Amino acid sequence: MPTHNLRLGQVRRRGAHLACAMLAVAGLSGTAQAQSAEATVEFLLAGVRPGGETKRVVDEDDAVRTVTPTTKEGVWRFEYSRSFGDKTYTMSLDYELKQVTACRYDLKIRGNDTVVTMKYDFSGAHDLEIRHDQNPTPPGMISIDVVGADVERCEPQKGHACEHFDGNRFGYVAASEDEIRQAFAHFQENYCPKSPF
């Protein structure tokens, strides 16, 4: 076999390997870009990613919880439906998350004739705990506390004073424990460093 054919084969193989490596790097950089701070906090709060799939959970009482992301970062919808005999209760809430600083985020929740404002400050966050409440968590969802985080909840239309509490006691997240722990680690490693205490 002539030498130039061997060299041509080697060049083609190297070119193919280089092309595969470039595609892998492009894929990784796309993933990194998609995991912005705001998208990560959206996942911590709702269990969905911008442009990702809708998550639907049916609990043992046949209540249906649906979390639907949009293509825009920090915007999603939560719908809840449960039948009581011949009556059905439904609720639909629209969420909009805004990054204030690397560790602070404001969340507006609109629906059911009210607007709720949540302010999350993760600067003191140092751990993630899985909550085991008296009420069972719906299958496919998880309840968490972000230990050391400060959360303020305001609902002025209903005459409620703003409340401050530690951790994320804001309902259920449509994700697994593994996914939530990975998202929290990613958030602290890349955006809002872990508090030493």
C-alpha atoms as a PDB file:
ATOM      1  CA  MET A   1       0.000   0.000   0.000  1.00  0.00           C
ATOM      2  CA  PRO A   2       1.498   3.385  -0.943  1.00  0.00           C
ATOM      3  CA  THR A   3       2.728   5.596   1.926  1.00  0.00           C
ATOM      4  CA  HIS A   4       0.557   8.580   0.909  1.00  0.00           C
ATOM      5  CA  ASN A   5      -2.617   6.427   1.351  1.00  0.00           C
ATOM      6  CA  LEU A   6      -1.512   5.518   4.904  1.00  0.00           C
ATOM      7  CA  ARG A   7      -0.860   9.164   5.715  1.00  0.00           C
ATOM      8  CA  LEU A   8      -4.200  10.201   4.213  1.00  0.00           C
ATOM      9  CA  GLY A   9      -5.985   7.594   6.401  1.00  0.00           C
ATOM     10  CA  GLN A  10      -4.183   8.881   9.505  1.00  0.00           C
ATOM     11  CA  VAL A  11      -5.090  12.473   8.664  1.00  0.00           C
ATOM     12  CA  ARG A  12      -8.752  11.508   8.200  1.00  0.00           C
ATOM     13  CA  ARG A  13      -8.809   9.623  11.524  1.00  0.00           C
ATOM     14  CA  ARG A  14      -7.193  12.545  13.335  1.00  0.00           C
ATOM     15  CA  GLY A  15      -9.650  14.909  11.664  1.00  0.00           C
ATOM     16  CA  ALA A  16     -12.569  12.725  12.778  1.00  0.00           C
ATOM     17  CA  HIS A  17     -11.223  12.577  16.360  1.00  0.00           C
ATOM     18  CA  LEU A  18     -10.732  16.353  16.372  1.00  0.00           C
ATOM     19  CA  ALA A  19     -14.282  16.875  15.085  1.00  0.00           C
ATOM     20  CA  CYS A  20     -15.680  14.591  17.832  1.00  0.00           C
ATOM     21  CA  ALA A  21     -13.661  16.429  20.477  1.00  0.00           C
ATOM     22  CA  MET A  22     -14.906  19.806  19.213  1.00  0.00           C
ATOM     23  CA  LEU A  23     -18.525  18.568  19.307  1.00  0.00           C
ATOM     24  CA  ALA A  24     -18.037  17.330  22.872  1.00  0.00           C
ATOM     25  CA  VAL A  25     -16.578  20.696  23.950  1.00  0.00           C
ATOM     26  CA  ALA A  26     -19.423  22.538  22.203  1.00  0.00           C
ATOM     27  CA  GLY A  27     -21.922  20.315  23.997  1.00  0.00           C
ATOM     28  CA  LEU A  28     -20.298  20.963  27.363  1.00  0.00           C
ATOM     29  CA  SER A  29     -20.153  24.731  26.859  1.00  0.00           C
ATOM     30  CA  GLY A  30     -23.817  24.719  25.843  1.00  0.00           C
ATOM     31  CA  THR A  31     -24.667  22.849  29.032  1.00  0.00           C
ATOM     32  CA  ALA A  32     -22.627  25.271  31.130  1.00  0.00           C
ATOM     33  CA  GLN A  33     -24.306  28.264  29.505  1.00  0.00           C
ATOM     34  CA  ALA A  34     -27.731  26.748  30.130  1.00  0.00           C
ATOM     35  CA  GLN A  35     -26.939  26.374  33.832  1.00  0.00           C
ATOM     36  CA  SER A  36     -26.922  30.066  34.720  1.00  0.00           C
ATOM     37  CA  ALA A  37     -27.419  31.163  38.327  1.00  0.00           C
ATOM     38  CA  GLU A  38     -31.058  32.058  37.621  1.00  0.00           C
ATOM     39  CA  ALA A  39     -31.748  28.717  35.892  1.00  0.00           C
ATOM     40  CA  THR A  40     -30.146  26.880  38.828  1.00  0.00           C
ATOM     41  CA  VAL A  41     -32.277  28.700  41.409  1.00  0.00           C
ATOM     42  CA  GLU A  42     -35.350  28.018  39.233  1.00  0.00           C
ATOM     43  CA  PHE A  43     -34.487  24.321  39.442  1.00  0.00           C
ATOM     44  CA  LEU A  44     -33.988  24.513  43.231  1.00  0.00           C
ATOM     45  CA  LEU A  45     -37.407  26.143  43.677  1.00  0.00           C
ATOM     46  CA  ALA A  46     -39.478  24.306  41.056  1.00  0.00           C
ATOM     47  CA  GLY A  47     -37.521  21.319  39.742  1.00  0.00           C
ATOM     48  CA  VAL A  48     -37.725  22.508  36.128  1.00  0.00           C
ATOM     49  CA  ARG A  49     -35.283  24.023  33.643  1.00  0.00           C
ATOM     50  CA  PRO A  50     -35.971  26.772  31.095  1.00  0.00           C
ATOM     51  CA  GLY A  51     -37.336  25.104  27.959  1.00  0.00           C
ATOM     52  CA  GLY A  52     -37.420  21.769  29.783  1.00  0.00           C
ATOM     53  CA  GLU A  53     -40.188  19.260  30.157  1.00  0.00           C
ATOM     54  CA  THR A  54     -43.405  19.756  32.099  1.00  0.00           C
ATOM     55  CA  LYS A  55     -43.559  17.750  35.312  1.00  0.00           C
ATOM     56  CA  ARG A  56     -46.881  16.290  36.432  1.00  0.00           C
ATOM     57  CA  VAL A  57     -47.377  14.551  39.767  1.00  0.00           C
ATOM     58  CA  VAL A  58     -50.495  12.783  41.007  1.00  0.00           C
ATOM     59  CA  ASP A  59     -50.566  12.140  44.756  1.00  0.00           C
ATOM     60  CA  GLU A  60     -52.426   9.489  46.720  1.00  0.00           C
ATOM     61  CA  ASP A  61     -55.500  11.753  47.055  1.00  0.00           C
ATOM     62  CA  ASP A  62     -55.616  12.145  43.247  1.00  0.00           C
ATOM     63  CA  ALA A  63     -54.520  15.780  43.514  1.00  0.00           C
ATOM     64  CA  VAL A  64     -52.603  16.774  40.370  1.00  0.00           C
ATOM     65  CA  ARG A  65     -49.633  19.139  40.549  1.00  0.00           C
ATOM     66  CA  THR A  66     -48.216  20.344  37.230  1.00  0.00           C
ATOM     67  CA  VAL A  67     -45.078  22.489  36.857  1.00  0.00           C
ATOM     68  CA  THR A  68     -44.551  23.917  33.365  1.00  0.00           C
ATOM     69  CA  PRO A  69     -41.383  25.845  32.452  1.00  0.00           C
ATOM     70  CA  THR A  70     -41.196  28.398  29.666  1.00  0.00           C
ATOM     71  CA  THR A  71     -38.246  29.025  27.358  1.00  0.00           C
ATOM     72  CA  LYS A  72     -37.439  32.175  29.372  1.00  0.00           C
ATOM     73  CA  GLU A  73     -35.200  31.688  32.405  1.00  0.00           C
ATOM     74  CA  GLY A  74     -36.936  32.130  35.740  1.00  0.00           C
ATOM     75  CA  VAL A  75     -40.505  31.885  34.423  1.00  0.00           C
ATOM     76  CA  TRP A  76     -42.781  28.905  35.054  1.00  0.00           C
ATOM     77  CA  ARG A  77     -46.378  27.988  35.888  1.00  0.00           C
ATOM     78  CA  PHE A  78     -47.730  25.805  38.676  1.00  0.00           C
ATOM     79  CA  GLU A  79     -51.196  24.260  38.448  1.00  0.00           C
ATOM     80  CA  TYR A  80     -53.012  22.296  41.115  1.00  0.00           C
ATOM     81  CA  SER A  81     -56.274  20.396  40.793  1.00  0.00           C
ATOM     82  CA  ARG A  82     -58.125  18.211  43.277  1.00  0.00           C
ATOM     83  CA  SER A  83     -61.652  16.821  43.320  1.00  0.00           C
ATOM     84  CA  PHE A  84     -63.793  16.720  46.442  1.00  0.00           C
ATOM     85  CA  GLY A  85     -66.851  14.641  45.605  1.00  0.00           C
ATOM     86  CA  ASP A  86     -68.653  16.478  42.805  1.00  0.00           C
ATOM     87  CA  LYS A  87     -66.556  19.672  43.177  1.00  0.00           C
ATOM     88  CA  THR A  88     -63.084  20.353  41.825  1.00  0.00           C
ATOM     89  CA  TYR A  89     -60.662  22.881  43.291  1.00  0.00           C
ATOM     90  CA  THR A  90     -58.149  24.351  40.840  1.00  0.00           C
ATOM     91  CA  MET A  91     -55.352  26.841  41.256  1.00  0.00           C
ATOM     92  CA  SER A  92     -52.995  28.327  38.692  1.00  0.00           C
ATOM     93  CA  LEU A  93     -49.951  30.406  39.654  1.00  0.00           C
ATOM     94  CA  ASP A  94     -47.403  32.175  37.434  1.00  0.00           C
ATOM     95  CA  TYR A  95     -43.858  32.546  38.753  1.00  0.00           C
ATOM     96  CA  GLU A  96     -41.217  35.065  37.716  1.00  0.00           C
ATOM     97  CA  LEU A  97     -37.730  34.932  39.241  1.00  0.00           C
ATOM     98  CA  LYS A  98     -35.239  37.812  39.030  1.00  0.00           C
ATOM     99  CA  GLN A  99     -31.600  37.721  40.072  1.00  0.00           C
ATOM    100  CA  VAL A 100     -30.658  40.698  42.296  1.00  0.00           C
ATOM    101  CA  THR A 101     -27.078  39.642  43.141  1.00  0.00           C
ATOM    102  CA  ALA A 102     -25.183  36.350  42.900  1.00  0.00           C
ATOM    103  CA  CYS A 103     -26.868  35.226  46.149  1.00  0.00           C
ATOM    104  CA  ARG A 104     -30.157  37.181  46.203  1.00  0.00           C
ATOM    105  CA  TYR A 105     -33.284  36.473  44.115  1.00  0.00           C
ATOM    106  CA  ASP A 106     -36.771  37.961  44.018  1.00  0.00           C
ATOM    107  CA  LEU A 107     -39.739  35.821  43.042  1.00  0.00           C
ATOM    108  CA  LYS A 108     -43.184  37.153  42.117  1.00  0.00           C
ATOM    109  CA  ILE A 109     -46.105  34.738  42.212  1.00  0.00           C
ATOM    110  CA  ARG A 110     -49.333  35.806  40.539  1.00  0.00           C
ATOM    111  CA  GLY A 111     -52.664  34.027  40.514  1.00  0.00           C
ATOM    112  CA  ASN A 112     -55.787  33.259  42.512  1.00  0.00           C
ATOM    113  CA  ASP A 113     -56.469  37.013  42.901  1.00  0.00           C
ATOM    114  CA  THR A 114     -53.247  37.771  44.714  1.00  0.00           C
ATOM    115  CA  VAL A 115     -49.568  38.585  44.251  1.00  0.00           C
ATOM    116  CA  VAL A 116     -46.991  37.075  46.585  1.00  0.00           C
ATOM    117  CA  THR A 117     -43.405  38.321  46.673  1.00  0.00           C
ATOM    118  CA  MET A 118     -40.632  36.065  47.895  1.00  0.00           C
ATOM    119  CA  LYS A 119     -37.103  37.308  48.538  1.00  0.00           C
ATOM    120  CA  TYR A 120     -34.419  34.623  48.787  1.00  0.00           C
ATOM    121  CA  ASP A 121     -30.977  35.392  50.222  1.00  0.00           C
ATOM    122  CA  PHE A 122     -28.627  32.416  49.900  1.00  0.00           C
ATOM    123  CA  SER A 123     -25.501  34.238  51.171  1.00  0.00           C
ATOM    124  CA  GLY A 124     -25.691  32.439  54.539  1.00  0.00           C
ATOM    125  CA  ALA A 125     -26.658  29.055  53.059  1.00  0.00           C
ATOM    126  CA  HIS A 126     -24.406  26.247  54.225  1.00  0.00           C
ATOM    127  CA  ASP A 127     -26.381  23.018  53.873  1.00  0.00           C
ATOM    128  CA  LEU A 128     -29.343  21.332  52.248  1.00  0.00           C
ATOM    129  CA  GLU A 129     -31.734  19.195  54.295  1.00  0.00           C
ATOM    130  CA  ILE A 130     -34.501  16.948  53.064  1.00  0.00           C
ATOM    131  CA  ARG A 131     -37.668  17.604  55.051  1.00  0.00           C
ATOM    132  CA  HIS A 132     -39.717  14.748  56.397  1.00  0.00           C
ATOM    133  CA  ASP A 133     -42.994  16.399  57.346  1.00  0.00           C
ATOM    134  CA  GLN A 134     -45.981  14.791  59.006  1.00  0.00           C
ATOM    135  CA  ASN A 135     -47.815  15.017  55.676  1.00  0.00           C
ATOM    136  CA  PRO A 136     -46.302  12.667  53.108  1.00  0.00           C
ATOM    137  CA  THR A 137     -44.498  14.278  50.191  1.00  0.00           C
ATOM    138  CA  PRO A 138     -46.230  13.536  46.859  1.00  0.00           C
ATOM    139  CA  PRO A 139     -44.405  10.870  44.811  1.00  0.00           C
ATOM    140  CA  GLY A 140     -41.954  12.429  42.354  1.00  0.00           C
ATOM    141  CA  MET A 141     -41.498  15.512  44.543  1.00  0.00           C
ATOM    142  CA  ILE A 142     -39.239  16.514  47.420  1.00  0.00           C
ATOM    143  CA  SER A 143     -39.449  19.021  50.266  1.00  0.00           C
ATOM    144  CA  ILE A 144     -36.200  20.793  51.212  1.00  0.00           C
ATOM    145  CA  ASP A 145     -34.697  23.339  53.575  1.00  0.00           C
ATOM    146  CA  VAL A 146     -31.758  25.413  52.411  1.00  0.00           C
ATOM    147  CA  VAL A 147     -30.118  25.764  55.817  1.00  0.00           C
ATOM    148  CA  GLY A 148     -28.911  29.291  56.521  1.00  0.00           C
ATOM    149  CA  ALA A 149     -30.852  30.900  53.666  1.00  0.00           C
ATOM    150  CA  ASP A 150     -33.086  33.839  54.560  1.00  0.00           C
ATOM    151  CA  VAL A 151     -36.522  33.954  52.970  1.00  0.00           C
ATOM    152  CA  GLU A 152     -39.034  36.791  53.145  1.00  0.00           C
ATOM    153  CA  ARG A 153     -42.662  36.252  52.062  1.00  0.00           C
ATOM    154  CA  CYS A 154     -45.030  39.186  51.499  1.00  0.00           C
ATOM    155  CA  GLU A 155     -48.696  39.096  50.498  1.00  0.00           C
ATOM    156  CA  PRO A 156     -49.902  42.700  50.894  1.00  0.00           C
ATOM    157  CA  GLN A 157     -53.263  42.267  49.096  1.00  0.00           C
ATOM    158  CA  LYS A 158     -54.443  39.953  51.859  1.00  0.00           C
ATOM    159  CA  GLY A 159     -53.220  42.225  54.648  1.00  0.00           C
ATOM    160  CA  HIS A 160     -50.486  39.804  55.712  1.00  0.00           C
ATOM    161  CA  ALA A 161     -47.319  41.279  57.145  1.00  0.00           C
ATOM    162  CA  CYS A 162     -44.068  40.135  55.574  1.00  0.00           C
ATOM    163  CA  GLU A 163     -42.681  37.011  57.227  1.00  0.00           C
ATOM    164  CA  HIS A 164     -39.024  36.016  57.538  1.00  0.00           C
ATOM    165  CA  PHE A 165     -37.953  32.420  57.944  1.00  0.00           C
ATOM    166  CA  ASP A 166     -34.861  30.298  57.486  1.00  0.00           C
ATOM    167  CA  GLY A 167     -34.618  27.784  54.687  1.00  0.00           C
ATOM    168  CA  ASN A 168     -36.895  27.019  51.768  1.00  0.00           C
ATOM    169  CA  ARG A 169     -40.254  26.146  53.307  1.00  0.00           C
ATOM    170  CA  PHE A 170     -42.177  26.893  50.164  1.00  0.00           C
ATOM    171  CA  GLY A 171     -43.789  23.664  49.140  1.00  0.00           C
ATOM    172  CA  TYR A 172     -42.652  20.751  47.086  1.00  0.00           C
ATOM    173  CA  VAL A 173     -40.033  20.590  44.338  1.00  0.00           C
ATOM    174  CA  ALA A 174     -40.594  18.291  41.338  1.00  0.00           C
ATOM    175  CA  ALA A 175     -37.134  16.676  41.419  1.00  0.00           C
ATOM    176  CA  SER A 176     -35.184  13.861  43.048  1.00  0.00           C
ATOM    177  CA  GLU A 177     -32.904  14.321  46.053  1.00  0.00           C
ATOM    178  CA  ASP A 178     -29.892  13.619  43.813  1.00  0.00           C
ATOM    179  CA  GLU A 179     -30.886  16.309  41.297  1.00  0.00           C
ATOM    180  CA  ILE A 180     -31.513  18.888  44.024  1.00  0.00           C
ATOM    181  CA  ARG A 181     -28.193  18.174  45.750  1.00  0.00           C
ATOM    182  CA  GLN A 182     -26.335  18.479  42.424  1.00  0.00           C
ATOM    183  CA  ALA A 183     -28.078  21.786  41.636  1.00  0.00           C
ATOM    184  CA  PHE A 184     -27.289  23.169  45.109  1.00  0.00           C
ATOM    185  CA  ALA A 185     -23.614  22.131  44.830  1.00  0.00           C
ATOM    186  CA  HIS A 186     -23.419  23.691  41.337  1.00  0.00           C
ATOM    187  CA  PHE A 187     -24.980  26.921  42.655  1.00  0.00           C
ATOM    188  CA  GLN A 188     -22.495  27.199  45.530  1.00  0.00           C
ATOM    189  CA  GLU A 189     -19.449  26.212  43.470  1.00  0.00           C
ATOM    190  CA  ASN A 190     -20.191  28.587  40.592  1.00  0.00           C
ATOM    191  CA  TYR A 191     -22.322  31.503  41.798  1.00  0.00           C
ATOM    192  CA  CYS A 192     -22.903  31.954  45.530  1.00  0.00           C
ATOM    193  CA  PRO A 193     -20.077  30.468  47.657  1.00  0.00           C
ATOM    194  CA  LYS A 194     -20.994  28.344  50.655  1.00  0.00           C
ATOM    195  CA  SER A 195     -21.120  30.226  53.949  1.00  0.00           C
ATOM    196  CA  PRO A 196     -18.473  28.914  56.400  1.00  0.00           C
ATOM    197  CA  PHE A 197     -21.072  28.935  59.239  1.00  0.00           C
END
